[in-house]
Amino acid sequence: MNKRDLRIVYMGTPDFAVEPLKNLVENNYNIVGVVTNPDKPAGRGQKIQESAVKKYAKSNNLKILQPEKFRDEIFLNKLKTLKADLQIVVAFKMLPEVVWNMPPIGTFNLHASLLPQYRGAAPINRAIINGDDKTGVTTFFLRHEIDTGEIIFQEEVSINESDDAGALHDRLMFKGAGLVLKTVEAIILNNYPQINQNDLLSSDNKIKLAPKIFKKDCMINWNSDIHSIYNLIRGLSPYPAAWTEIKSQDENSMQLKIFKTEKETKKHNNPIGKIFTDNKTYLKVAVKEGFVVITELQLAGKKKLAINEFLKGFQNITDFTF
């Protein structure tokens, strides 16, 4: 089989899924259809927005399907008429067996972790939050239980201590795009491994999961150690972002998001949450084992600001505590 004979249906929605699709298109693979989320209102004006994958697919005149429900008979019949040999899923919804088991070769997924580690919806965020120094991308065949199918290929990506989720997302996106291409090439040659994830498990290799992140997970606990706070903030930046409240002496409070910080590790006897600033260039918060130096934040209802800009408009910040 050559690349033009292999009929591929591609499924994905966000920016992360665009680069692998672009790689396939630019390498002349036969993409017979693209499945993506329905258009939906977004932003303050609630204007109808198309997914990143749909925008790219439209610009390349690819056939697009946007099912509301995957078990809908009309959608399933349309999917069948595409006669796909292989389906590829990147950053998409959980699929029923009737969909992932449709093509004769099967359906493989690109996941942003080194499976079996970080099965779940938020592998990029969780790896940083947990302070890991490496992660990666995995291609694997879909099976009944989420993120548990046979592994085809994996590639590692290092996590730098200064990385936030946005920076790591982009590196994994490009690494993943290459891995998808490598996987399809191997499938065409019918020469690829299928590694059972259970074979990678051991008693000293504890599984870390990556469940979906909710607002309560994003709240900063200033009583945590300095490394945990720093990792939480960068692991949630730029989205959904770590948040906290500042309280004045008369108990008025305001909510804000914190996007960028630095660590200043040193012993001190200051109360947790006490603010230190020169009211011009820096703002730091006392925590266990040192200070968290805030460099970019956003007050509720306001714009995201560098700390010097924030301090210009908030001269009484020392009247508050975190």
Protein backbone atom coordinates (compact mmCIF):
# COMPACT_ATOMS: atom_id res chain seq x y z
CA MET A 1 0.00 0.00 0.00
CA ASN A 2 1.24 3.52 -0.76
CA LYS A 3 0.30 6.78 0.94
CA ARG A 4 -2.29 7.74 -1.67
CA ASP A 5 -4.08 4.38 -1.35
CA LEU A 6 -4.37 4.65 2.43
CA ARG A 7 -7.66 6.40 3.18
CA ILE A 8 -7.41 8.39 6.43
CA VAL A 9 -10.12 10.05 8.51
CA TYR A 10 -8.63 12.58 10.94
CA MET A 11 -10.38 13.60 14.19
CA GLY A 12 -9.42 16.59 16.34
CA THR A 13 -10.45 20.04 17.49
CA PRO A 14 -7.91 22.44 19.13
CA ASP A 15 -4.61 23.96 17.98
CA PHE A 16 -2.71 20.92 19.27
CA ALA A 17 -4.45 18.81 16.61
CA VAL A 18 -3.72 21.15 13.69
CA GLU A 19 0.03 20.50 13.35
CA PRO A 20 -0.28 16.70 12.90
CA LEU A 21 -3.01 17.21 10.30
CA LYS A 22 -0.89 19.81 8.53
CA ASN A 23 2.04 17.37 8.51
CA LEU A 24 -0.09 14.69 6.87
CA VAL A 25 -1.52 17.06 4.25
CA GLU A 26 1.88 18.52 3.36
CA ASN A 27 3.26 15.00 2.96
CA ASN A 28 0.48 14.16 0.50
CA TYR A 29 -1.45 11.65 2.57
CA ASN A 30 -5.00 10.92 1.48
CA ILE A 31 -7.20 12.63 4.09
CA VAL A 32 -10.73 11.65 3.00
CA GLY A 33 -12.46 13.36 5.91
CA VAL A 34 -11.98 15.46 9.03
CA VAL A 35 -14.20 15.09 12.10
CA THR A 36 -14.25 18.00 14.55
CA ASN A 37 -16.48 19.62 17.16
CA PRO A 38 -19.59 21.57 16.11
CA ASP A 39 -19.25 25.36 15.88
CA LYS A 40 -20.16 27.10 19.13
CA PRO A 41 -20.47 30.61 20.57
CA ALA A 42 -17.42 31.93 22.39
CA GLY A 43 -16.02 35.16 23.84
CA ARG A 44 -17.79 38.20 25.17
CA GLY A 45 -19.83 38.69 22.02
CA GLN A 46 -20.74 34.98 21.93
CA LYS A 47 -19.97 34.88 18.23
CA ILE A 48 -20.05 31.48 16.59
CA GLN A 49 -16.51 30.10 16.42
CA GLU A 50 -15.09 27.31 14.29
CA SER A 51 -12.52 24.94 15.76
CA ALA A 52 -8.85 25.35 14.83
CA VAL A 53 -8.96 22.02 12.99
CA LYS A 54 -12.03 23.05 11.00
CA LYS A 55 -10.39 26.29 9.92
CA TYR A 56 -7.35 24.40 8.66
CA ALA A 57 -9.48 21.72 6.98
CA LYS A 58 -11.56 24.37 5.18
CA SER A 59 -8.43 26.13 3.94
CA ASN A 60 -7.32 22.84 2.36
CA ASN A 61 -10.72 21.86 0.95
CA LEU A 62 -11.02 18.75 3.11
CA LYS A 63 -14.40 17.14 3.75
CA ILE A 64 -15.63 18.08 7.24
CA LEU A 65 -18.04 16.28 9.57
CA GLN A 66 -19.25 17.91 12.82
CA PRO A 67 -21.48 15.46 14.68
CA GLU A 68 -23.41 16.48 17.77
CA LYS A 69 -23.54 12.80 18.79
CA PHE A 70 -21.24 10.02 17.65
CA ARG A 71 -23.96 7.37 17.72
CA ASP A 72 -26.21 9.38 15.42
CA GLU A 73 -27.13 7.16 12.45
CA ILE A 74 -26.76 9.98 9.91
CA PHE A 75 -23.21 10.69 11.09
CA LEU A 76 -22.28 6.99 11.20
CA ASN A 77 -23.56 6.48 7.66
CA LYS A 78 -21.55 9.48 6.42
CA LEU A 79 -18.47 8.15 8.19
CA LYS A 80 -18.94 4.73 6.58
CA THR A 81 -19.19 6.24 3.11
CA LEU A 82 -15.67 7.68 3.54
CA LYS A 83 -14.37 4.08 3.55
CA ALA A 84 -11.43 4.91 5.80
CA ASP A 85 -8.65 2.35 6.20
CA LEU A 86 -7.32 4.19 9.25
CA GLN A 87 -8.58 6.84 11.68
CA ILE A 88 -6.30 9.19 13.60
CA VAL A 89 -7.45 10.96 16.76
CA VAL A 90 -5.66 13.95 18.30
CA ALA A 91 -7.09 16.00 21.20
CA PHE A 92 -10.67 14.89 20.66
CA LYS A 93 -13.61 13.45 22.56
CA MET A 94 -13.94 9.89 23.79
CA LEU A 95 -15.24 7.77 20.92
CA PRO A 96 -17.67 4.85 21.09
CA GLU A 97 -16.52 1.48 19.75
CA VAL A 98 -18.83 1.77 16.76
CA VAL A 99 -16.62 4.67 15.60
CA TRP A 100 -13.09 3.64 16.58
CA ASN A 101 -13.56 0.06 15.43
CA MET A 102 -14.93 1.03 12.00
CA PRO A 103 -11.78 1.09 9.81
CA PRO A 104 -10.03 -2.24 9.07
CA ILE A 105 -6.62 -1.11 10.35
CA GLY A 106 -8.13 0.59 13.40
CA THR A 107 -7.91 3.99 15.06
CA PHE A 108 -4.81 5.37 16.73
CA ASN A 109 -4.55 8.29 19.11
CA LEU A 110 -1.77 10.78 19.85
CA HIS A 111 -1.51 11.39 23.61
CA ALA A 112 0.66 14.06 25.23
CA SER A 113 2.42 11.84 27.77
CA LEU A 114 4.55 8.73 28.01
CA LEU A 115 1.78 6.21 28.57
CA PRO A 116 0.86 4.51 30.80
CA GLN A 117 1.76 7.65 32.77
CA TYR A 118 -0.77 10.49 32.78
CA ARG A 119 -3.80 8.82 31.28
CA GLY A 120 -6.56 11.40 31.18
CA ALA A 121 -7.58 14.84 29.93
CA ALA A 122 -4.79 17.06 31.30
CA PRO A 123 -1.41 15.32 30.88
CA ILE A 124 0.57 18.46 30.05
CA ASN A 125 -0.66 20.42 33.06
CA ARG A 126 -0.33 17.52 35.49
CA ALA A 127 3.26 16.68 34.52
CA ILE A 128 4.39 20.24 35.34
CA ILE A 129 2.24 20.49 38.48
CA ASN A 130 3.88 17.30 39.75
CA GLY A 131 7.36 18.73 39.10
CA ASP A 132 8.40 16.12 36.51
CA ASP A 133 11.52 16.74 34.47
CA LYS A 134 10.39 14.81 31.41
CA THR A 135 7.25 13.77 29.55
CA GLY A 136 6.60 12.95 25.92
CA VAL A 137 4.13 11.83 23.27
CA THR A 138 2.65 8.42 22.53
CA THR A 139 0.73 6.92 19.64
CA PHE A 140 -1.47 3.97 20.55
CA PHE A 141 -4.48 2.08 19.23
CA LEU A 142 -7.83 2.90 20.80
CA ARG A 143 -9.49 0.24 22.93
CA HIS A 144 -12.42 0.17 25.36
CA GLU A 145 -10.76 1.76 28.40
CA ILE A 146 -9.46 5.28 27.85
CA ASP A 147 -5.73 5.65 27.07
CA THR A 148 -5.00 1.94 27.62
CA GLY A 149 -4.51 0.54 24.09
CA GLU A 150 -1.36 -0.99 22.63
CA ILE A 151 1.47 1.52 22.28
CA ILE A 152 2.92 2.01 18.81
CA PHE A 153 5.64 4.64 19.34
CA GLN A 154 6.81 7.05 22.06
CA GLU A 155 9.23 9.96 22.14
CA GLU A 156 10.49 11.84 25.20
CA VAL A 157 10.44 15.60 25.72
CA SER A 158 12.31 17.28 28.58
CA ILE A 159 10.56 19.70 30.94
CA ASN A 160 12.66 22.70 31.91
CA GLU A 161 12.13 24.22 35.34
CA SER A 162 11.04 27.49 33.73
CA ASP A 163 8.51 25.86 31.36
CA ASP A 164 4.85 26.67 31.73
CA ALA A 165 2.06 24.59 30.23
CA GLY A 166 1.93 26.79 27.14
CA ALA A 167 5.60 26.32 26.28
CA LEU A 168 5.46 22.57 26.88
CA HIS A 169 2.23 22.31 24.87
CA ASP A 170 3.95 23.77 21.81
CA ARG A 171 6.99 21.49 22.05
CA LEU A 172 4.79 18.43 22.45
CA MET A 173 2.59 19.56 19.56
CA PHE A 174 5.50 19.62 17.10
CA LYS A 175 7.03 16.43 18.51
CA GLY A 176 3.62 14.77 18.28
CA ALA A 177 3.11 15.87 14.68
CA GLY A 178 6.32 14.10 13.74
CA LEU A 179 5.32 11.00 15.68
CA VAL A 180 1.95 10.80 13.90
CA LEU A 181 3.76 10.89 10.56
CA LYS A 182 6.21 8.21 11.72
CA THR A 183 3.30 6.05 12.87
CA VAL A 184 1.41 6.28 9.58
CA GLU A 185 4.58 5.51 7.62
CA ALA A 186 5.11 2.38 9.75
CA ILE A 187 1.49 1.31 9.30
CA ILE A 188 1.84 1.56 5.51
CA LEU A 189 4.90 -0.72 5.70
CA ASN A 190 3.01 -3.00 8.13
CA ASN A 191 6.05 -2.81 10.38
CA TYR A 192 5.25 -1.40 13.78
CA PRO A 193 5.22 -2.57 17.41
CA GLN A 194 2.12 -3.00 19.54
CA ILE A 195 3.28 -2.87 23.16
CA ASN A 196 0.86 -3.84 25.91
CA GLN A 197 0.87 -1.05 28.49
CA ASN A 198 0.80 -3.58 31.31
CA ASP A 199 4.28 -4.69 30.22
CA LEU A 200 5.56 -1.21 31.11
CA LEU A 201 4.20 -1.32 34.65
CA SER A 202 6.25 -2.29 37.66
CA SER A 203 5.95 -2.10 41.43
CA ASP A 204 8.37 0.84 41.58
CA ASN A 205 6.72 2.70 38.70
CA LYS A 206 3.67 4.27 40.29
CA ILE A 207 1.00 5.38 37.82
CA LYS A 208 0.25 9.11 37.78
CA LEU A 209 -3.12 10.10 36.36
CA ALA A 210 -4.16 13.27 34.55
CA PRO A 211 -7.83 13.94 35.33
CA LYS A 212 -9.64 16.98 33.97
CA ILE A 213 -8.82 20.21 35.80
CA PHE A 214 -11.60 22.13 37.54
CA LYS A 215 -11.60 25.58 39.11
CA LYS A 216 -11.09 24.20 42.62
CA ASP A 217 -7.89 22.50 41.40
CA CYS A 218 -6.52 25.89 40.34
CA MET A 219 -6.75 27.61 43.72
CA ILE A 220 -3.34 28.33 45.25
CA ASN A 221 -2.73 27.02 48.75
CA TRP A 222 -0.13 29.43 50.13
CA ASN A 223 0.58 27.00 52.97
CA SER A 224 2.09 24.55 50.49
CA ASP A 225 5.85 24.46 50.01
CA ILE A 226 7.45 26.93 47.58
CA HIS A 227 8.12 24.31 44.89
CA SER A 228 4.52 23.04 44.85
CA ILE A 229 3.15 26.58 44.52
CA TYR A 230 5.61 27.46 41.75
CA ASN A 231 4.81 24.26 39.83
CA LEU A 232 1.05 24.74 40.20
CA ILE A 233 1.21 28.26 38.75
CA ARG A 234 3.35 27.35 35.75
CA GLY A 235 1.43 24.12 35.22
CA LEU A 236 -1.80 26.08 34.80
CA SER A 237 -0.40 28.95 32.72
CA PRO A 238 -1.68 30.37 30.44
CA TYR A 239 -4.89 28.33 30.79
CA PRO A 240 -6.91 27.80 32.91
CA ALA A 241 -4.55 29.78 35.23
CA ALA A 242 -3.95 29.49 38.96
CA TRP A 243 -6.03 31.85 41.09
CA THR A 244 -6.09 33.25 44.59
CA GLU A 245 -7.69 35.96 46.70
CA ILE A 246 -6.10 38.97 48.32
CA LYS A 247 -7.71 40.21 51.52
CA SER A 248 -7.52 43.66 53.06
CA GLN A 249 -7.33 44.35 56.78
CA ASP A 250 -11.09 45.03 56.82
CA GLU A 251 -11.67 41.58 55.22
CA ASN A 252 -12.55 42.86 51.74
CA SER A 253 -11.27 40.41 49.15
CA MET A 254 -10.48 40.40 45.45
CA GLN A 255 -9.76 37.47 43.18
CA LEU A 256 -6.84 37.40 40.79
CA LYS A 257 -5.05 34.99 38.47
CA ILE A 258 -1.30 34.49 38.54
CA PHE A 259 0.50 33.51 35.33
CA LYS A 260 4.22 33.89 35.94
CA THR A 261 6.38 33.68 39.02
CA GLU A 262 9.95 33.09 40.15
CA LYS A 263 11.21 31.27 43.24
CA GLU A 264 13.32 32.92 45.93
CA THR A 265 14.37 30.17 48.32
CA LYS A 266 15.53 31.42 51.72
CA LYS A 267 14.76 31.04 55.41
CA HIS A 268 12.54 33.69 57.01
CA ASN A 269 10.18 34.22 59.93
CA ASN A 270 7.45 36.14 58.09
CA PRO A 271 3.81 35.01 58.21
CA ILE A 272 2.58 32.98 55.22
CA GLY A 273 0.89 35.23 52.65
CA LYS A 274 2.59 38.48 53.71
CA ILE A 275 3.28 40.76 50.74
CA PHE A 276 6.59 42.53 50.11
CA THR A 277 6.98 45.14 47.37
CA ASP A 278 8.76 48.35 46.41
CA ASN A 279 5.46 49.46 44.77
CA LYS A 280 7.30 49.80 41.45
CA THR A 281 9.14 46.73 40.18
CA TYR A 282 8.51 43.68 42.32
CA LEU A 283 5.93 41.90 44.45
CA LYS A 284 6.66 38.76 46.43
CA VAL A 285 4.68 36.60 48.80
CA ALA A 286 6.09 34.87 51.87
CA VAL A 287 5.66 31.07 51.80
CA LYS A 288 7.36 28.11 53.42
CA GLU A 289 11.05 28.03 52.53
CA GLY A 290 11.09 31.41 50.80
CA PHE A 291 9.15 33.81 48.62
CA VAL A 292 7.10 33.47 45.44
CA VAL A 293 7.97 36.45 43.23
CA ILE A 294 4.99 37.34 41.02
CA THR A 295 5.86 38.74 37.59
CA GLU A 296 2.54 38.55 35.68
CA LEU A 297 -1.02 38.55 37.00
CA GLN A 298 -4.59 39.60 36.30
CA LEU A 299 -7.11 41.14 38.66
CA ALA A 300 -10.66 39.86 38.13
CA GLY A 301 -12.33 41.80 35.32
CA LYS A 302 -9.07 43.49 34.27
CA LYS A 303 -6.30 42.89 31.74
CA LYS A 304 -3.33 40.62 32.28
CA LEU A 305 -0.40 42.80 33.37
CA ALA A 306 3.31 42.61 34.05
CA ILE A 307 3.96 43.33 37.71
CA ASN A 308 5.35 46.86 37.15
CA GLU A 309 2.17 47.85 35.28
CA PHE A 310 -0.03 46.28 37.95
CA LEU A 311 1.74 48.17 40.76
CA LYS A 312 1.25 51.51 39.01
CA GLY A 313 -2.51 51.15 39.48
CA PHE A 314 -2.49 49.36 42.84
CA GLN A 315 -0.41 51.46 45.19
CA ASN A 316 -1.96 50.07 48.39
CA ILE A 317 -1.15 46.41 47.75
CA THR A 318 0.70 46.09 51.09
CA ASP A 319 -2.66 46.64 52.85
CA PHE A 320 -3.58 43.16 51.59
CA THR A 321 -2.40 39.61 52.25
CA PHE A 322 -2.67 36.46 50.18
